[in-house]
C-alpha cells in the first residue's frame, strides 16, 4: 500500500522546508508526528498537514480496495521538496533606488508506504 500527498505553492523557502523534511524521511508515521509536533521550525506545520493528508489518502485507498491499513504500519518512504514559482517583488533602498526581492515558494511531496510483514 502506497499513498502520496503534495502541498503546492507553499509560501516558504525550499531551503527552510528541507530542514524539516529531512528529519522525517524514513521514519514511521507516529514517530514523524511526534518529531513535527515538537519541532520549533515554522515549516513543521505545513509538513505535518501534508503528512496527515498522505495518511488519510492511504486509509481512503485501502477502504476503496476493501483492505484495512493501520497507521502504526505506515512509514515515510519518500519525502522531498521542490522549488515552486518565485514571486518577484521590489523593496525600497537608499537614495530612491529599488532592490529586487525574491519570494520563494515550495512544493512538498510525501509518500507513505506500509511495512511489508
PDB file of N, CA and C in Angstrom:
ATOM      1  N   UNK A   1       0.841  -1.176   0.000  1.00  0.00           N
ATOM      2  CA  UNK A   1       0.000   0.000   0.000  1.00  0.00           C
ATOM      3  C   UNK A   1       0.886   1.238   0.000  1.00  0.00           C
ATOM      4  N   UNK A   2       0.632   2.112  -0.935  1.00  0.00           N
ATOM      5  CA  UNK A   2       1.410   3.350  -1.060  1.00  0.00           C
ATOM      6  C   UNK A   2       0.456   4.485  -1.342  1.00  0.00           C
ATOM      7  N   UNK A   3       0.641   5.602  -0.670  1.00  0.00           N
ATOM      8  CA  UNK A   3      -0.191   6.784  -0.896  1.00  0.00           C
ATOM      9  C   UNK A   3       0.698   8.015  -0.812  1.00  0.00           C
ATOM     10  N   UNK A   4       0.284   9.062  -1.522  1.00  0.00           N
ATOM     11  CA  UNK A   4       1.093  10.270  -1.541  1.00  0.00           C
ATOM     12  C   UNK A   4       0.224  11.490  -1.344  1.00  0.00           C
ATOM     13  N   UNK A   5       0.877  12.580  -0.934  1.00  0.00           N
ATOM     14  CA  UNK A   5       0.207  13.865  -0.798  1.00  0.00           C
ATOM     15  C   UNK A   5       1.191  14.945  -1.223  1.00  0.00           C
ATOM     16  N   UNK A   6       0.672  15.961  -1.893  1.00  0.00           N
ATOM     17  CA  UNK A   6       1.500  17.049  -2.393  1.00  0.00           C
ATOM     18  C   UNK A   6       0.907  18.370  -1.935  1.00  0.00           C
ATOM     19  N   UNK A   7       1.734  19.205  -1.333  1.00  0.00           N
ATOM     20  CA  UNK A   7       1.345  20.569  -0.970  1.00  0.00           C
ATOM     21  C   UNK A   7       2.077  21.504  -1.931  1.00  0.00           C
ATOM     22  N   UNK A   8       1.317  22.245  -2.710  1.00  0.00           N
ATOM     23  CA  UNK A   8       1.924  23.074  -3.747  1.00  0.00           C
ATOM     24  C   UNK A   8       1.854  24.557  -3.386  1.00  0.00           C
ATOM     25  N   UNK A   9       2.825  25.306  -3.897  1.00  0.00           N
ATOM     26  CA  UNK A   9       2.892  26.759  -3.764  1.00  0.00           C
ATOM     27  C   UNK A   9       2.887  27.225  -2.311  1.00  0.00           C
ATOM     28  N   UNK A  10       3.641  26.543  -1.477  1.00  0.00           N
ATOM     29  CA  UNK A  10       3.783  26.936  -0.087  1.00  0.00           C
ATOM     30  C   UNK A  10       4.676  28.169  -0.026  1.00  0.00           C
ATOM     31  N   UNK A  11       4.236  29.218   0.640  1.00  0.00           N
ATOM     32  CA  UNK A  11       4.980  30.472   0.679  1.00  0.00           C
ATOM     33  C   UNK A  11       6.107  30.419   1.706  1.00  0.00           C
ATOM     34  N   UNK A  12       7.034  29.507   1.476  1.00  0.00           N
ATOM     35  CA  UNK A  12       8.191  29.344   2.332  1.00  0.00           C
ATOM     36  C   UNK A  12       9.343  28.848   1.475  1.00  0.00           C
ATOM     37  N   UNK A  13      10.521  29.257   1.807  1.00  0.00           N
ATOM     38  CA  UNK A  13      11.701  28.888   1.035  1.00  0.00           C
ATOM     39  C   UNK A  13      11.942  27.380   1.093  1.00  0.00           C
ATOM     40  N   UNK A  14      12.295  26.760  -0.043  1.00  0.00           N
ATOM     41  CA  UNK A  14      12.547  25.317  -0.039  1.00  0.00           C
ATOM     42  C   UNK A  14      13.696  24.929   0.884  1.00  0.00           C
ATOM     43  N   UNK A  15      14.653  25.805   1.023  1.00  0.00           N
ATOM     44  CA  UNK A  15      15.795  25.519   1.890  1.00  0.00           C
ATOM     45  C   UNK A  15      15.360  25.340   3.344  1.00  0.00           C
ATOM     46  N   UNK A  16      14.399  26.144   3.789  1.00  0.00           N
ATOM     47  CA  UNK A  16      13.895  26.045   5.156  1.00  0.00           C
ATOM     48  C   UNK A  16      13.041  24.795   5.341  1.00  0.00           C
ATOM     49  N   UNK A  17      12.254  24.457   4.330  1.00  0.00           N
ATOM     50  CA  UNK A  17      11.354  23.309   4.444  1.00  0.00           C
ATOM     51  C   UNK A  17      12.153  22.009   4.397  1.00  0.00           C
ATOM     52  N   UNK A  18      13.237  21.984   3.638  1.00  0.00           N
ATOM     53  CA  UNK A  18      14.041  20.763   3.519  1.00  0.00           C
ATOM     54  C   UNK A  18      14.652  20.351   4.855  1.00  0.00           C
ATOM     55  N   UNK A  19      14.948  21.322   5.719  1.00  0.00           N
ATOM     56  CA  UNK A  19      15.497  21.001   7.034  1.00  0.00           C
ATOM     57  C   UNK A  19      14.533  20.134   7.832  1.00  0.00           C
ATOM     58  N   UNK A  20      13.236  20.409   7.712  1.00  0.00           N
ATOM     59  CA  UNK A  20      12.228  19.653   8.449  1.00  0.00           C
ATOM     60  C   UNK A  20      11.951  18.320   7.767  1.00  0.00           C
ATOM     61  N   UNK A  21      11.858  18.332   6.436  1.00  0.00           N
ATOM     62  CA  UNK A  21      11.520  17.116   5.693  1.00  0.00           C
ATOM     63  C   UNK A  21      12.630  16.076   5.823  1.00  0.00           C
ATOM     64  N   UNK A  22      13.870  16.522   5.900  1.00  0.00           N
ATOM     65  CA  UNK A  22      14.985  15.583   6.035  1.00  0.00           C
ATOM     66  C   UNK A  22      14.924  14.817   7.357  1.00  0.00           C
ATOM     67  N   UNK A  23      14.299  15.406   8.381  1.00  0.00           N
ATOM     68  CA  UNK A  23      14.215  14.746   9.682  1.00  0.00           C
ATOM     69  C   UNK A  23      13.229  13.586   9.676  1.00  0.00           C
ATOM     70  N   UNK A  24      12.160  13.679   8.879  1.00  0.00           N
ATOM     71  CA  UNK A  24      11.116  12.653   8.948  1.00  0.00           C
ATOM     72  C   UNK A  24      11.253  11.589   7.871  1.00  0.00           C
ATOM     73  N   UNK A  25      12.141  11.764   6.917  1.00  0.00           N
ATOM     74  CA  UNK A  25      12.299  10.781   5.844  1.00  0.00           C
ATOM     75  C   UNK A  25      12.759   9.447   6.436  1.00  0.00           C
ATOM     76  N   UNK A  26      12.012   8.380   6.128  1.00  0.00           N
ATOM     77  CA  UNK A  26      12.349   7.050   6.604  1.00  0.00           C
ATOM     78  C   UNK A  26      11.772   6.698   7.962  1.00  0.00           C
ATOM     79  N   UNK A  27      11.167   7.647   8.652  1.00  0.00           N
ATOM     80  CA  UNK A  27      10.602   7.393   9.977  1.00  0.00           C
ATOM     81  C   UNK A  27       9.216   6.768   9.858  1.00  0.00           C
ATOM     82  N   UNK A  28       8.780   6.139  10.928  1.00  0.00           N
ATOM     83  CA  UNK A  28       7.400   5.683  10.971  1.00  0.00           C
ATOM     84  C   UNK A  28       6.502   6.910  11.115  1.00  0.00           C
ATOM     85  N   UNK A  29       5.236   6.766  10.782  1.00  0.00           N
ATOM     86  CA  UNK A  29       4.329   7.911  10.784  1.00  0.00           C
ATOM     87  C   UNK A  29       4.135   8.445  12.197  1.00  0.00           C
ATOM     88  N   UNK A  30       4.026   7.563  13.179  1.00  0.00           N
ATOM     89  CA  UNK A  30       3.833   8.036  14.552  1.00  0.00           C
ATOM     90  C   UNK A  30       5.063   8.786  15.060  1.00  0.00           C
ATOM     91  N   UNK A  31       6.243   8.302  14.685  1.00  0.00           N
ATOM     92  CA  UNK A  31       7.475   8.998  15.072  1.00  0.00           C
ATOM     93  C   UNK A  31       7.573  10.350  14.359  1.00  0.00           C
ATOM     94  N   UNK A  32       7.158  10.389  13.101  1.00  0.00           N
ATOM     95  CA  UNK A  32       7.184  11.645  12.347  1.00  0.00           C
ATOM     96  C   UNK A  32       6.215  12.656  12.941  1.00  0.00           C
ATOM     97  N   UNK A  33       5.044  12.191  13.382  1.00  0.00           N
ATOM     98  CA  UNK A  33       4.082  13.091  14.032  1.00  0.00           C
ATOM     99  C   UNK A  33       4.700  13.735  15.270  1.00  0.00           C
ATOM    100  N   UNK A  34       5.368  12.933  16.087  1.00  0.00           N
ATOM    101  CA  UNK A  34       5.948  13.481  17.316  1.00  0.00           C
ATOM    102  C   UNK A  34       7.115  14.420  17.010  1.00  0.00           C
ATOM    103  N   UNK A  35       7.923  14.093  16.003  1.00  0.00           N
ATOM    104  CA  UNK A  35       9.017  14.989  15.626  1.00  0.00           C
ATOM    105  C   UNK A  35       8.487  16.341  15.155  1.00  0.00           C
ATOM    106  N   UNK A  36       7.431  16.311  14.360  1.00  0.00           N
ATOM    107  CA  UNK A  36       6.876  17.556  13.831  1.00  0.00           C
ATOM    108  C   UNK A  36       6.153  18.357  14.910  1.00  0.00           C
ATOM    109  N   UNK A  37       5.535  17.670  15.853  1.00  0.00           N
ATOM    110  CA  UNK A  37       4.789  18.360  16.895  1.00  0.00           C
ATOM    111  C   UNK A  37       5.718  19.179  17.787  1.00  0.00           C
ATOM    112  N   UNK A  38       6.899  18.654  18.070  1.00  0.00           N
ATOM    113  CA  UNK A  38       7.809  19.327  18.988  1.00  0.00           C
ATOM    114  C   UNK A  38       8.922  20.092  18.288  1.00  0.00           C
ATOM    115  N   UNK A  39       8.840  20.223  16.993  1.00  0.00           N
ATOM    116  CA  UNK A  39       9.841  20.987  16.256  1.00  0.00           C
ATOM    117  C   UNK A  39       9.578  22.485  16.409  1.00  0.00           C
ATOM    118  N   UNK A  40      10.640  23.261  16.500  1.00  0.00           N
ATOM    119  CA  UNK A  40      10.489  24.707  16.632  1.00  0.00           C
ATOM    120  C   UNK A  40      10.435  25.414  15.284  1.00  0.00           C
ATOM    121  N   UNK A  41      10.656  24.673  14.210  1.00  0.00           N
ATOM    122  CA  UNK A  41      10.663  25.266  12.876  1.00  0.00           C
ATOM    123  C   UNK A  41       9.236  25.582  12.427  1.00  0.00           C
ATOM    124  N   UNK A  42       9.064  26.699  11.754  1.00  0.00           N
ATOM    125  CA  UNK A  42       7.746  27.086  11.246  1.00  0.00           C
ATOM    126  C   UNK A  42       7.292  26.165  10.126  1.00  0.00           C
ATOM    127  N   UNK A  43       8.232  25.553   9.433  1.00  0.00           N
ATOM    128  CA  UNK A  43       7.892  24.663   8.322  1.00  0.00           C
ATOM    129  C   UNK A  43       7.279  23.357   8.802  1.00  0.00           C
ATOM    130  N   UNK A  44       7.345  23.070  10.095  1.00  0.00           N
ATOM    131  CA  UNK A  44       6.789  21.816  10.591  1.00  0.00           C
ATOM    132  C   UNK A  44       5.267  21.786  10.491  1.00  0.00           C
ATOM    133  N   UNK A  45       4.613  22.940  10.480  1.00  0.00           N
ATOM    134  CA  UNK A  45       3.146  22.984  10.391  1.00  0.00           C
ATOM    135  C   UNK A  45       2.658  22.518   9.015  1.00  0.00           C
ATOM    136  N   UNK A  46       3.125  23.094   7.902  1.00  0.00           N
ATOM    137  CA  UNK A  46       2.651  22.593   6.614  1.00  0.00           C
ATOM    138  C   UNK A  46       3.122  21.169   6.297  1.00  0.00           C
ATOM    139  N   UNK A  47       4.289  20.780   6.793  1.00  0.00           N
ATOM    140  CA  UNK A  47       4.757  19.413   6.573  1.00  0.00           C
ATOM    141  C   UNK A  47       3.866  18.435   7.332  1.00  0.00           C
ATOM    142  N   UNK A  48       3.454  18.809   8.542  1.00  0.00           N
ATOM    143  CA  UNK A  48       2.553  17.970   9.321  1.00  0.00           C
ATOM    144  C   UNK A  48       1.201  17.825   8.632  1.00  0.00           C
ATOM    145  N   UNK A  49       0.685  18.913   8.070  1.00  0.00           N
ATOM    146  CA  UNK A  49      -0.581  18.857   7.342  1.00  0.00           C
ATOM    147  C   UNK A  49      -0.471  17.933   6.130  1.00  0.00           C
ATOM    148  N   UNK A  50       0.644  18.006   5.434  1.00  0.00           N
ATOM    149  CA  UNK A  50       0.845  17.166   4.260  1.00  0.00           C
ATOM    150  C   UNK A  50       0.958  15.700   4.663  1.00  0.00           C
ATOM    151  N   UNK A  51       1.625  15.425   5.788  1.00  0.00           N
ATOM    152  CA  UNK A  51       1.739  14.055   6.272  1.00  0.00           C
ATOM    153  C   UNK A  51       0.368  13.499   6.655  1.00  0.00           C
ATOM    154  N   UNK A  52      -0.436  14.297   7.324  1.00  0.00           N
ATOM    155  CA  UNK A  52      -1.788  13.855   7.689  1.00  0.00           C
ATOM    156  C   UNK A  52      -2.627  13.583   6.438  1.00  0.00           C
ATOM    157  N   UNK A  53      -2.432  14.381   5.412  1.00  0.00           N
ATOM    158  CA  UNK A  53      -3.147  14.168   4.158  1.00  0.00           C
ATOM    159  C   UNK A  53      -2.711  12.864   3.499  1.00  0.00           C
ATOM    160  N   UNK A  54      -1.420  12.568   3.540  1.00  0.00           N
ATOM    161  CA  UNK A  54      -0.923  11.326   2.943  1.00  0.00           C
ATOM    162  C   UNK A  54      -1.474  10.106   3.684  1.00  0.00           C
ATOM    163  N   UNK A  55      -1.567  10.183   5.011  1.00  0.00           N
ATOM    164  CA  UNK A  55      -2.117   9.078   5.792  1.00  0.00           C
ATOM    165  C   UNK A  55      -3.604   8.905   5.488  1.00  0.00           C
ATOM    166  N   UNK A  56      -4.321  10.028   5.376  1.00  0.00           N
ATOM    167  CA  UNK A  56      -5.742   9.958   5.035  1.00  0.00           C
ATOM    168  C   UNK A  56      -5.933   9.379   3.637  1.00  0.00           C
ATOM    169  N   UNK A  57      -5.048   9.720   2.713  1.00  0.00           N
ATOM    170  CA  UNK A  57      -5.116   9.152   1.363  1.00  0.00           C
ATOM    171  C   UNK A  57      -4.878   7.647   1.393  1.00  0.00           C
ATOM    172  N   UNK A  58      -3.964   7.192   2.256  1.00  0.00           N
ATOM    173  CA  UNK A  58      -3.691   5.760   2.374  1.00  0.00           C
ATOM    174  C   UNK A  58      -4.909   5.023   2.935  1.00  0.00           C
ATOM    175  N   UNK A  59      -5.544   5.622   3.931  1.00  0.00           N
ATOM    176  CA  UNK A  59      -6.735   4.992   4.510  1.00  0.00           C
ATOM    177  C   UNK A  59      -7.881   4.953   3.502  1.00  0.00           C
ATOM    178  N   UNK A  60      -8.048   6.029   2.754  1.00  0.00           N
ATOM    179  CA  UNK A  60      -9.101   6.079   1.748  1.00  0.00           C
ATOM    180  C   UNK A  60      -8.849   5.065   0.631  1.00  0.00           C
ATOM    181  N   UNK A  61      -7.594   4.955   0.229  1.00  0.00           N
ATOM    182  CA  UNK A  61      -7.239   3.995  -0.817  1.00  0.00           C
ATOM    183  C   UNK A  61      -7.476   2.564  -0.348  1.00  0.00           C
ATOM    184  N   UNK A  62      -7.179   2.296   0.923  1.00  0.00           N
ATOM    185  CA  UNK A  62      -7.416   0.963   1.475  1.00  0.00           C
ATOM    186  C   UNK A  62      -8.906   0.663   1.565  1.00  0.00           C
ATOM    187  N   UNK A  63      -9.699   1.657   1.932  1.00  0.00           N
ATOM    188  CA  UNK A  63     -11.150   1.453   2.007  1.00  0.00           C
ATOM    189  C   UNK A  63     -11.740   1.147   0.637  1.00  0.00           C
ATOM    190  N   UNK A  64     -11.264   1.833  -0.379  1.00  0.00           N
ATOM    191  CA  UNK A  64     -11.760   1.591  -1.732  1.00  0.00           C
ATOM    192  C   UNK A  64     -11.374   0.203  -2.239  1.00  0.00           C
ATOM    193  N   UNK A  65     -10.211  -0.296  -1.794  1.00  0.00           N
ATOM    194  CA  UNK A  65      -9.762  -1.623  -2.208  1.00  0.00           C
ATOM    195  C   UNK A  65     -10.342  -2.735  -1.340  1.00  0.00           C
ATOM    196  N   UNK A  66     -11.039  -2.358  -0.278  1.00  0.00           N
ATOM    197  CA  UNK A  66     -11.605  -3.358   0.619  1.00  0.00           C
ATOM    198  C   UNK A  66     -10.618  -3.867   1.646  1.00  0.00           C
ATOM    199  N   UNK A  67      -9.497  -3.206   1.812  1.00  0.00           N
ATOM    200  CA  UNK A  67      -8.479  -3.592   2.781  1.00  0.00           C
ATOM    201  C   UNK A  67      -8.578  -2.698   4.010  1.00  0.00           C
ATOM    202  N   UNK A  68      -7.725  -2.978   4.966  1.00  0.00           N
ATOM    203  CA  UNK A  68      -7.585  -2.103   6.126  1.00  0.00           C
ATOM    204  C   UNK A  68      -6.116  -1.744   6.255  1.00  0.00           C
ATOM    205  N   UNK A  69      -5.875  -0.547   6.714  1.00  0.00           N
ATOM    206  CA  UNK A  69      -4.495  -0.105   6.916  1.00  0.00           C
ATOM    207  C   UNK A  69      -4.388   0.444   8.336  1.00  0.00           C
ATOM    208  N   UNK A  70      -3.314   0.054   9.019  1.00  0.00           N
ATOM    209  CA  UNK A  70      -3.059   0.531  10.370  1.00  0.00           C
ATOM    210  C   UNK A  70      -2.028   1.649  10.284  1.00  0.00           C
ATOM    211  N   UNK A  71      -2.287   2.733  10.994  1.00  0.00           N
ATOM    212  CA  UNK A  71      -1.381   3.880  10.947  1.00  0.00           C
ATOM    213  C   UNK A  71      -0.015   3.508  11.502  1.00  0.00           C
ATOM    214  N   UNK A  72       0.016   2.567  12.452  1.00  0.00           N
ATOM    215  CA  UNK A  72       1.295   2.150  13.041  1.00  0.00           C
ATOM    216  C   UNK A  72       2.169   1.382  12.051  1.00  0.00           C
ATOM    217  N   UNK A  73       1.589   0.859  10.972  1.00  0.00           N
ATOM    218  CA  UNK A  73       2.354   0.115   9.975  1.00  0.00           C
ATOM    219  C   UNK A  73       2.875   0.996   8.847  1.00  0.00           C
ATOM    220  N   UNK A  74       2.514   2.260   8.842  1.00  0.00           N
ATOM    221  CA  UNK A  74       2.940   3.166   7.765  1.00  0.00           C
ATOM    222  C   UNK A  74       4.257   3.846   8.124  1.00  0.00           C
ATOM    223  N   UNK A  75       5.065   4.095   7.100  1.00  0.00           N
ATOM    224  CA  UNK A  75       6.283   4.881   7.279  1.00  0.00           C
ATOM    225  C   UNK A  75       6.461   5.805   6.078  1.00  0.00           C
ATOM    226  N   UNK A  76       7.275   6.841   6.257  1.00  0.00           N
ATOM    227  CA  UNK A  76       7.521   7.823   5.202  1.00  0.00           C
ATOM    228  C   UNK A  76       8.602   7.261   4.289  1.00  0.00           C
ATOM    229  N   UNK A  77       8.190   6.785   3.118  1.00  0.00           N
ATOM    230  CA  UNK A  77       9.161   6.162   2.223  1.00  0.00           C
ATOM    231  C   UNK A  77       9.888   7.191   1.369  1.00  0.00           C
ATOM    232  N   UNK A  78       9.183   8.222   0.931  1.00  0.00           N
ATOM    233  CA  UNK A  78       9.804   9.295   0.158  1.00  0.00           C
ATOM    234  C   UNK A  78       9.328  10.634   0.700  1.00  0.00           C
ATOM    235  N   UNK A  79      10.222  11.585   0.750  1.00  0.00           N
ATOM    236  CA  UNK A  79       9.874  12.936   1.176  1.00  0.00           C
ATOM    237  C   UNK A  79      10.858  13.887   0.518  1.00  0.00           C
ATOM    238  N   UNK A  80      10.336  14.798  -0.273  1.00  0.00           N
ATOM    239  CA  UNK A  80      11.224  15.759  -0.919  1.00  0.00           C
ATOM    240  C   UNK A  80      10.505  17.082  -1.130  1.00  0.00           C
ATOM    241  N   UNK A  81      11.300  18.114  -1.331  1.00  0.00           N
ATOM    242  CA  UNK A  81      10.797  19.474  -1.511  1.00  0.00           C
ATOM    243  C   UNK A  81      11.362  20.012  -2.811  1.00  0.00           C
ATOM    244  N   UNK A  82      10.475  20.481  -3.686  1.00  0.00           N
ATOM    245  CA  UNK A  82      10.877  21.108  -4.934  1.00  0.00           C
ATOM    246  C   UNK A  82      10.632  22.602  -4.855  1.00  0.00           C
ATOM    247  N   UNK A  83      11.340  23.325  -5.697  1.00  0.00           N
ATOM    248  CA  UNK A  83      11.168  24.774  -5.731  1.00  0.00           C
ATOM    249  C   UNK A  83       9.981  25.123  -6.611  1.00  0.00           C
ATOM    250  N   UNK A  84       9.113  25.978  -6.089  1.00  0.00           N
ATOM    251  CA  UNK A  84       7.951  26.433  -6.837  1.00  0.00           C
ATOM    252  C   UNK A  84       8.257  27.740  -7.549  1.00  0.00           C
ATOM    253  N   UNK A  85       7.226  28.403  -8.055  1.00  0.00           N
ATOM    254  CA  UNK A  85       7.446  29.679  -8.739  1.00  0.00           C
ATOM    255  C   UNK A  85       7.924  30.752  -7.770  1.00  0.00           C
ATOM    256  N   UNK A  86       8.825  31.592  -8.235  1.00  0.00           N
ATOM    257  CA  UNK A  86       9.372  32.665  -7.425  1.00  0.00           C
ATOM    258  C   UNK A  86       8.625  33.954  -7.724  1.00  0.00           C
ATOM    259  N   UNK A  87       8.142  34.603  -6.681  1.00  0.00           N
ATOM    260  CA  UNK A  87       7.449  35.880  -6.838  1.00  0.00           C
ATOM    261  C   UNK A  87       8.483  37.000  -6.819  1.00  0.00           C
ATOM    262  N   UNK A  88       8.470  37.834  -7.824  1.00  0.00           N
ATOM    263  CA  UNK A  88       9.434  38.941  -7.923  1.00  0.00           C
ATOM    264  C   UNK A  88       8.803  40.189  -7.331  1.00  0.00           C
ATOM    265  N   UNK A  89       9.439  40.730  -6.304  1.00  0.00           N
ATOM    266  CA  UNK A  89       8.963  41.941  -5.646  1.00  0.00           C
ATOM    267  C   UNK A  89      10.101  42.945  -5.582  1.00  0.00           C
ATOM    268  N   UNK A  90       9.761  44.189  -5.219  1.00  0.00           N
ATOM    269  CA  UNK A  90      10.749  45.243  -5.106  1.00  0.00           C
ATOM    270  C   UNK A  90      10.696  45.840  -3.716  1.00  0.00           C
ATOM    271  N   UNK A  91      11.875  46.175  -3.192  1.00  0.00           N
ATOM    272  CA  UNK A  91      11.981  46.755  -1.871  1.00  0.00           C
ATOM    273  C   UNK A  91      12.691  48.104  -1.982  1.00  0.00           C
ATOM    274  N   UNK A  92      12.227  49.071  -1.239  1.00  0.00           N
ATOM    275  CA  UNK A  92      12.841  50.398  -1.275  1.00  0.00           C
ATOM    276  C   UNK A  92      14.261  50.342  -0.735  1.00  0.00           C
ATOM    277  N   UNK A  93      15.158  51.063  -1.407  1.00  0.00           N
ATOM    278  CA  UNK A  93      16.555  51.104  -0.989  1.00  0.00           C
ATOM    279  C   UNK A  93      16.979  52.568  -0.834  1.00  0.00           C
ATOM    280  N   UNK A  94      18.231  52.778  -0.531  1.00  0.00           N
ATOM    281  CA  UNK A  94      18.736  54.116  -0.273  1.00  0.00           C
ATOM    282  C   UNK A  94      18.717  54.972  -1.542  1.00  0.00           C
ATOM    283  N   UNK A  95      18.545  56.254  -1.377  1.00  0.00           N
ATOM    284  CA  UNK A  95      18.607  57.264  -2.437  1.00  0.00           C
ATOM    285  C   UNK A  95      17.577  57.009  -3.544  1.00  0.00           C
ATOM    286  N   UNK A  96      16.406  56.570  -3.162  1.00  0.00           N
ATOM    287  CA  UNK A  96      15.313  56.401  -4.117  1.00  0.00           C
ATOM    288  C   UNK A  96      15.438  55.201  -5.033  1.00  0.00           C
ATOM    289  N   UNK A  97      16.338  54.323  -4.739  1.00  0.00           N
ATOM    290  CA  UNK A  97      16.505  53.146  -5.583  1.00  0.00           C
ATOM    291  C   UNK A  97      15.557  52.026  -5.140  1.00  0.00           C
ATOM    292  N   UNK A  98      15.458  51.014  -5.973  1.00  0.00           N
ATOM    293  CA  UNK A  98      14.659  49.828  -5.644  1.00  0.00           C
ATOM    294  C   UNK A  98      15.540  48.597  -5.780  1.00  0.00           C
ATOM    295  N   UNK A  99      15.452  47.725  -4.806  1.00  0.00           N
ATOM    296  CA  UNK A  99      16.235  46.493  -4.815  1.00  0.00           C
ATOM    297  C   UNK A  99      15.286  45.318  -5.060  1.00  0.00           C
ATOM    298  N   UNK A 100      15.672  44.383  -5.923  1.00  0.00           N
ATOM    299  CA  UNK A 100      14.798  43.229  -6.167  1.00  0.00           C
ATOM    300  C   UNK A 100      14.755  42.311  -4.949  1.00  0.00           C
ATOM    301  N   UNK A 101      13.595  41.707  -4.754  1.00  0.00           N
ATOM    302  CA  UNK A 101      13.407  40.756  -3.663  1.00  0.00           C
ATOM    303  C   UNK A 101      12.677  39.551  -4.223  1.00  0.00           C
ATOM    304  N   UNK A 102      13.214  38.380  -3.961  1.00  0.00           N
ATOM    305  CA  UNK A 102      12.601  37.161  -4.490  1.00  0.00           C
ATOM    306  C   UNK A 102      11.887  36.423  -3.363  1.00  0.00           C
ATOM    307  N   UNK A 103      10.582  36.231  -3.520  1.00  0.00           N
ATOM    308  CA  UNK A 103       9.779  35.485  -2.556  1.00  0.00           C
ATOM    309  C   UNK A 103       9.646  34.068  -3.087  1.00  0.00           C
ATOM    310  N   UNK A 104      10.326  33.142  -2.455  1.00  0.00           N
ATOM    311  CA  UNK A 104      10.373  31.772  -2.956  1.00  0.00           C
ATOM    312  C   UNK A 104       9.194  30.957  -2.433  1.00  0.00           C
ATOM    313  N   UNK A 105       8.802  29.966  -3.226  1.00  0.00           N
ATOM    314  CA  UNK A 105       7.738  29.060  -2.837  1.00  0.00           C
ATOM    315  C   UNK A 105       8.222  27.619  -2.969  1.00  0.00           C
ATOM    316  N   UNK A 106       7.482  26.698  -2.359  1.00  0.00           N
ATOM    317  CA  UNK A 106       7.899  25.300  -2.304  1.00  0.00           C
ATOM    318  C   UNK A 106       6.747  24.373  -2.673  1.00  0.00           C
ATOM    319  N   UNK A 107       7.114  23.188  -3.125  1.00  0.00           N
ATOM    320  CA  UNK A 107       6.181  22.090  -3.321  1.00  0.00           C
ATOM    321  C   UNK A 107       6.678  20.935  -2.446  1.00  0.00           C
ATOM    322  N   UNK A 108       5.841  20.475  -1.497  1.00  0.00           N
ATOM    323  CA  UNK A 108       6.206  19.366  -0.616  1.00  0.00           C
ATOM    324  C   UNK A 108       5.532  18.098  -1.129  1.00  0.00           C
ATOM    325  N   UNK A 109       6.287  17.025  -1.264  1.00  0.00           N
ATOM    326  CA  UNK A 109       5.742  15.729  -1.670  1.00  0.00           C
ATOM    327  C   UNK A 109       6.134  14.687  -0.631  1.00  0.00           C
ATOM    328  N   UNK A 110       5.120  14.013  -0.074  1.00  0.00           N
ATOM    329  CA  UNK A 110       5.350  12.950   0.899  1.00  0.00           C
ATOM    330  C   UNK A 110       4.678  11.677   0.411  1.00  0.00           C
ATOM    331  N   UNK A 111       5.392  10.567   0.488  1.00  0.00           N
ATOM    332  CA  UNK A 111       4.854   9.255   0.111  1.00  0.00           C
ATOM    333  C   UNK A 111       4.962   8.348   1.323  1.00  0.00           C
ATOM    334  N   UNK A 112       3.812   7.801   1.743  1.00  0.00           N
ATOM    335  CA  UNK A 112       3.818   6.848   2.851  1.00  0.00           C
ATOM    336  C   UNK A 112       3.541   5.455   2.296  1.00  0.00           C
ATOM    337  N   UNK A 113       4.167   4.478   2.936  1.00  0.00           N
ATOM    338  CA  UNK A 113       4.062   3.092   2.475  1.00  0.00           C
ATOM    339  C   UNK A 113       3.877   2.209   3.704  1.00  0.00           C
ATOM    340  N   UNK A 114       3.171   1.114   3.547  1.00  0.00           N
ATOM    341  CA  UNK A 114       3.002   0.179   4.655  1.00  0.00           C
ATOM    342  C   UNK A 114       4.184  -0.780   4.695  1.00  0.00           C
ATOM    343  N   UNK A 115       4.543  -1.190   5.882  1.00  0.00           N
ATOM    344  CA  UNK A 115       5.659  -2.113   6.048  1.00  0.00           C
ATOM    345  C   UNK A 115       5.245  -3.490   5.578  1.00  0.00           C
ATOM    346  N   UNK A 116       6.116  -4.138   4.838  1.00  0.00           N
ATOM    347  CA  UNK A 116       5.852  -5.493   4.363  1.00  0.00           C
ATOM    348  C   UNK A 116       6.177  -6.467   5.469  1.00  0.00           C
ATOM    349  N   UNK A 117       5.189  -7.238   5.921  1.00  0.00           N
ATOM    350  CA  UNK A 117       5.416  -8.202   7.017  1.00  0.00           C
ATOM    351  C   UNK A 117       5.798  -9.554   6.503  1.00  0.00           C
TER     352      UNK A 117
END
